Amino acid sequence: FDHLYSDNEIEWRVSLESNIKDTHNLIRPHSFDKIVKNITHMREKNALISVQAVIGEYNYTQFEDMIEFAHDMGVKYFRYKALAIVGDAKKNNMVSHYSMGALLKKTYQIGKKKPYLLPLLRGTGFFRLLGKLYIPNYPPTPRIQYILQPDGTFFPSDQLVHIEKTRFGNIHDKDFQLDTLLDYQKRYEVNNTQCNSCAVQAYCMGGNYWDLFNDKEEDDGEFYNCKDKIEAILFVMSLGQEGVELLRMADVN
């Protein structure tokens, strides 16, 4: 891919679960050294790189150090999401006491303490919420999109890859089934009754779509973490002018 790395219209997202080798390798075995080596090589080729981590019990205490580590490697963005206890995490009896709301507050604390890290955090949920609140015509973040699988088929979300009935199309046959994708967007992002009745729906980034199926492959009900998301949005709203200043410092526009 060397010939593509200099194209800054392409963002190369890399999964890195910790700045500590042993912690990362617990989640993604035998991959830490290779990932760090690849990031170093890509930066030498001027690639635009983002690092994404899933935060849970195993790496929360390293959260701030992970951001520093990404900064020192020359990564453009650090992104994260809270470990959702659905899908494989639920089947494997994993636990996490750290919600997205807790991570947003932690992001705020880190940014206040270390302002030089703010630009690295522009792509996080914290700054997307601030953008929705204070930047006119802030672009939406579609959650339903083509998720290509090794066999050429698609799922409408990376959270639905275990729900077989949502599989559609095939890239090898140039069968993109755009109408099917649009139907999923309408069902989950436009006509979701639970979401449309919520007072903060305009600012919410949505929940985990796998959770809607409740192990029964039925897409009804509400997201398990709606309360947490509402509290997180209200916290970001409470920052007021301070939130506007953080946007400026992170150079979000």
Protein backbone atom coordinates (compact mmCIF):
# COMPACT_ATOMS: atom_id res chain seq x y z
CA PHE A 1 0.00 0.00 0.00
CA ASP A 2 3.01 2.32 -0.02
CA HIS A 3 1.78 4.15 -3.10
CA LEU A 4 -1.45 5.07 -1.25
CA TYR A 5 0.00 6.28 2.03
CA SER A 6 0.75 9.79 0.80
CA ASP A 7 -2.92 10.32 -0.17
CA ASN A 8 -4.31 12.24 2.81
CA GLU A 9 -7.85 11.67 1.59
CA ILE A 10 -7.42 8.14 2.95
CA GLU A 11 -7.54 7.54 6.69
CA TRP A 12 -5.81 4.34 7.83
CA ARG A 13 -7.46 3.17 11.05
CA VAL A 14 -5.46 0.80 13.22
CA SER A 15 -6.74 -1.14 16.24
CA LEU A 16 -4.44 -0.76 19.24
CA GLU A 17 -5.78 -1.84 22.63
CA SER A 18 -2.97 -0.59 24.85
CA ASN A 19 0.41 1.09 24.90
CA ILE A 20 1.56 -1.89 26.97
CA LYS A 21 2.50 -4.91 24.89
CA ASP A 22 1.18 -7.59 27.23
CA THR A 23 -2.20 -5.88 27.66
CA HIS A 24 -2.69 -5.40 23.92
CA ASN A 25 -1.67 -8.98 23.16
CA LEU A 26 -4.28 -10.31 25.60
CA ILE A 27 -6.94 -8.94 23.22
CA ARG A 28 -5.10 -9.26 19.90
CA PRO A 29 -2.52 -12.00 20.41
CA HIS A 30 1.03 -11.65 19.07
CA SER A 31 0.28 -8.40 17.20
CA PHE A 32 1.64 -5.47 19.24
CA ASP A 33 5.15 -5.33 17.77
CA LYS A 34 3.86 -5.74 14.23
CA ILE A 35 1.28 -2.97 14.65
CA VAL A 36 3.81 -0.53 16.09
CA LYS A 37 6.26 -1.38 13.30
CA ASN A 38 3.55 -0.85 10.66
CA ILE A 39 2.52 2.50 12.15
CA THR A 40 6.15 3.65 12.13
CA HIS A 41 6.51 2.64 8.48
CA MET A 42 3.25 4.30 7.47
CA ARG A 43 4.23 7.55 9.20
CA GLU A 44 7.54 7.52 7.30
CA LYS A 45 5.40 7.44 4.13
CA ASN A 46 3.27 10.37 5.43
CA ALA A 47 0.13 8.29 5.91
CA LEU A 48 -2.85 9.78 7.77
CA ILE A 49 -3.33 7.30 10.62
CA SER A 50 -5.93 6.99 13.34
CA VAL A 51 -5.74 4.58 16.24
CA GLN A 52 -8.89 3.06 17.68
CA ALA A 53 -9.17 1.29 21.02
CA VAL A 54 -12.00 -0.53 22.75
CA ILE A 55 -11.90 0.46 26.41
CA GLY A 56 -12.84 -1.98 29.16
CA GLU A 57 -11.62 -3.35 32.48
CA TYR A 58 -8.36 -4.57 30.96
CA ASN A 59 -7.07 -1.21 29.69
CA TYR A 60 -8.99 1.69 31.30
CA THR A 61 -6.16 2.55 33.66
CA GLN A 62 -3.89 2.95 30.61
CA PHE A 63 -6.31 5.24 28.74
CA GLU A 64 -4.33 8.46 29.16
CA ASP A 65 -1.01 6.75 28.45
CA MET A 66 -2.49 5.23 25.28
CA ILE A 67 -3.34 8.70 24.00
CA GLU A 68 0.18 9.91 24.80
CA PHE A 69 1.60 6.85 23.03
CA ALA A 70 -0.44 7.59 19.89
CA HIS A 71 0.68 11.23 20.03
CA ASP A 72 4.34 10.27 20.28
CA MET A 73 4.00 7.94 17.26
CA GLY A 74 2.70 10.80 15.13
CA VAL A 75 -0.83 9.45 14.77
CA LYS A 76 -3.38 11.98 13.49
CA TYR A 77 -6.40 10.89 15.54
CA PHE A 78 -7.07 8.75 18.59
CA ARG A 79 -10.54 7.23 18.66
CA TYR A 80 -12.17 4.90 21.15
CA LYS A 81 -15.39 3.22 22.13
CA ALA A 82 -16.51 1.62 25.34
CA LEU A 83 -16.63 -2.15 25.43
CA ALA A 84 -20.28 -3.05 24.79
CA ILE A 85 -21.45 -6.19 26.57
CA VAL A 86 -23.18 -7.60 23.51
CA GLY A 87 -22.25 -10.17 20.85
CA ASP A 88 -18.99 -12.02 21.57
CA ALA A 89 -18.34 -9.95 24.71
CA LYS A 90 -21.63 -11.16 26.18
CA LYS A 91 -21.08 -14.76 25.11
CA ASN A 92 -17.61 -14.73 26.71
CA ASN A 93 -18.98 -13.25 29.97
CA MET A 94 -16.81 -10.14 29.72
CA VAL A 95 -17.56 -7.24 32.05
CA SER A 96 -16.96 -3.51 31.94
CA HIS A 97 -17.78 -0.78 34.43
CA TYR A 98 -16.66 1.99 32.08
CA SER A 99 -19.44 3.47 29.96
CA MET A 100 -19.15 5.89 27.07
CA GLY A 101 -20.25 8.63 29.45
CA ALA A 102 -17.35 7.84 31.77
CA LEU A 103 -14.94 7.94 28.82
CA LEU A 104 -16.28 11.32 27.64
CA LYS A 105 -15.67 12.77 31.08
CA LYS A 106 -12.19 11.24 31.14
CA THR A 107 -11.49 12.78 27.72
CA TYR A 108 -12.52 16.18 29.09
CA GLN A 109 -10.20 15.79 32.10
CA ILE A 110 -7.26 14.74 29.94
CA GLY A 111 -7.83 17.62 27.52
CA LYS A 112 -7.93 20.14 30.38
CA LYS A 113 -4.72 18.76 31.86
CA LYS A 114 -2.87 18.29 28.56
CA PRO A 115 -4.20 20.72 25.93
CA TYR A 116 -1.58 19.61 23.38
CA LEU A 117 -3.48 16.31 23.08
CA LEU A 118 -6.78 17.99 22.09
CA PRO A 119 -6.18 17.93 18.30
CA LEU A 120 -5.53 14.18 18.54
CA LEU A 121 -8.96 13.73 20.14
CA ARG A 122 -10.98 15.62 17.51
CA GLY A 123 -12.55 12.43 16.17
CA THR A 124 -13.84 11.21 19.53
CA GLY A 125 -17.45 11.17 20.66
CA PHE A 126 -16.69 14.05 23.03
CA PHE A 127 -15.81 16.41 20.20
CA ARG A 128 -18.52 15.11 17.88
CA LEU A 129 -21.04 16.03 20.57
CA LEU A 130 -19.52 19.48 20.97
CA GLY A 131 -19.60 19.88 17.18
CA LYS A 132 -23.28 18.99 17.01
CA LEU A 133 -24.01 21.50 19.77
CA TYR A 134 -22.02 24.49 18.60
CA ILE A 135 -21.02 24.20 14.93
CA PRO A 136 -23.69 25.11 12.32
CA ASN A 137 -24.31 22.39 9.71
CA TYR A 138 -22.00 19.97 11.49
CA PRO A 139 -21.90 16.83 9.32
CA PRO A 140 -23.81 13.79 10.57
CA THR A 141 -22.06 10.54 11.39
CA PRO A 142 -23.94 7.74 9.60
CA ARG A 143 -23.96 4.52 11.57
CA ILE A 144 -25.45 2.41 8.79
CA GLN A 145 -23.05 1.86 5.88
CA TYR A 146 -21.49 -0.90 3.82
CA ILE A 147 -19.39 -3.27 5.97
CA LEU A 148 -17.56 -5.55 3.55
CA GLN A 149 -16.87 -9.16 4.56
CA PRO A 150 -14.07 -11.47 3.29
CA ASP A 151 -16.57 -13.43 1.16
CA GLY A 152 -17.68 -10.25 -0.64
CA THR A 153 -21.03 -9.82 1.11
CA PHE A 154 -22.09 -6.83 3.21
CA PHE A 155 -23.60 -6.09 6.58
CA PRO A 156 -25.19 -2.69 7.33
CA SER A 157 -23.11 -2.19 10.48
CA ASP A 158 -20.02 -3.73 12.08
CA GLN A 159 -22.28 -4.36 15.08
CA LEU A 160 -24.54 -6.64 13.03
CA VAL A 161 -22.03 -9.04 11.51
CA HIS A 162 -23.31 -11.85 13.73
CA ILE A 163 -26.93 -11.33 12.68
CA GLU A 164 -27.10 -13.44 9.53
CA LYS A 165 -30.45 -12.13 8.32
CA THR A 166 -28.92 -8.67 7.89
CA ARG A 167 -26.31 -9.94 5.37
CA PHE A 168 -26.91 -8.67 1.82
CA GLY A 169 -25.34 -8.12 -1.63
CA ASN A 170 -22.02 -9.29 -3.02
CA ILE A 171 -19.21 -7.10 -4.29
CA HIS A 172 -17.91 -9.82 -6.61
CA ASP A 173 -21.19 -9.67 -8.54
CA LYS A 174 -21.30 -5.85 -8.30
CA ASP A 175 -24.54 -6.39 -6.40
CA PHE A 176 -24.49 -3.51 -3.93
CA GLN A 177 -28.23 -3.55 -3.16
CA LEU A 178 -28.32 0.17 -2.36
CA ASP A 179 -32.06 -0.01 -1.71
CA THR A 180 -31.42 -2.57 1.05
CA LEU A 181 -28.85 -0.30 2.68
CA LEU A 182 -31.23 2.67 2.47
CA ASP A 183 -33.98 0.58 4.06
CA TYR A 184 -31.68 -0.18 7.00
CA GLN A 185 -30.84 3.52 7.32
CA LYS A 186 -34.54 4.41 7.41
CA ARG A 187 -35.30 1.67 9.95
CA TYR A 188 -32.51 2.42 12.40
CA GLU A 189 -31.50 6.05 11.81
CA VAL A 190 -34.68 7.78 10.58
CA ASN A 191 -37.76 5.88 11.71
CA ASN A 192 -36.55 4.49 15.04
CA THR A 193 -39.54 5.18 17.30
CA GLN A 194 -37.56 4.91 20.53
CA CYS A 195 -34.93 7.38 19.35
CA ASN A 196 -37.34 9.85 17.79
CA SER A 197 -39.19 10.21 21.11
CA CYS A 198 -35.98 11.10 22.98
CA ALA A 199 -35.38 14.73 23.97
CA VAL A 200 -31.67 14.60 23.04
CA GLN A 201 -32.04 12.54 19.86
CA ALA A 202 -30.60 15.33 17.70
CA TYR A 203 -27.26 15.08 19.51
CA CYS A 204 -27.04 11.33 20.07
CA MET A 205 -24.68 9.11 18.09
CA GLY A 206 -26.89 6.06 18.55
CA GLY A 207 -26.46 2.83 20.43
CA ASN A 208 -25.21 -0.61 19.55
CA TYR A 209 -27.49 -2.07 16.86
CA TRP A 210 -26.71 -5.64 17.87
CA ASP A 211 -28.40 -4.90 21.18
CA LEU A 212 -31.73 -4.22 19.42
CA PHE A 213 -31.97 -7.88 18.52
CA ASN A 214 -31.83 -9.02 22.16
CA ASP A 215 -30.40 -12.45 21.26
CA LYS A 216 -33.70 -13.24 19.50
CA GLU A 217 -32.88 -11.53 16.21
CA GLU A 218 -35.73 -9.09 16.72
CA ASP A 219 -34.95 -5.44 16.12
CA ASP A 220 -37.32 -3.95 18.67
CA GLY A 221 -36.83 -2.28 22.03
CA GLU A 222 -34.35 0.37 23.10
CA PHE A 223 -30.58 0.36 23.43
CA TYR A 224 -29.25 -0.98 26.71
CA ASN A 225 -27.15 2.15 27.30
CA CYS A 226 -29.67 4.91 26.50
CA LYS A 227 -29.58 6.29 30.06
CA ASP A 228 -25.79 6.54 29.97
CA LYS A 229 -25.85 8.32 26.60
CA ILE A 230 -28.42 10.85 27.81
CA GLU A 231 -26.34 11.61 30.90
CA ALA A 232 -23.20 11.99 28.73
CA ILE A 233 -24.95 14.43 26.38
CA LEU A 234 -26.25 16.50 29.30
CA PHE A 235 -22.71 16.62 30.76
CA VAL A 236 -21.26 17.94 27.49
CA MET A 237 -24.10 20.48 27.24
CA SER A 238 -23.30 21.67 30.78
CA LEU A 239 -19.80 22.78 29.68
CA GLY A 240 -21.28 25.75 27.85
CA GLN A 241 -18.69 28.31 26.76
CA GLU A 242 -15.91 26.07 27.99
CA GLY A 243 -16.98 23.52 25.38
CA VAL A 244 -16.75 26.15 22.66
CA GLU A 245 -13.22 27.00 23.79
CA LEU A 246 -12.22 23.34 23.72
CA LEU A 247 -13.46 23.11 20.12
CA ARG A 248 -11.29 26.09 19.23
CA MET A 249 -8.24 24.63 20.95
CA ALA A 250 -8.71 21.30 19.15
CA ASP A 251 -9.14 23.14 15.84
CA VAL A 252 -12.50 21.53 15.09
CA ASN A 253 -14.49 23.34 12.41
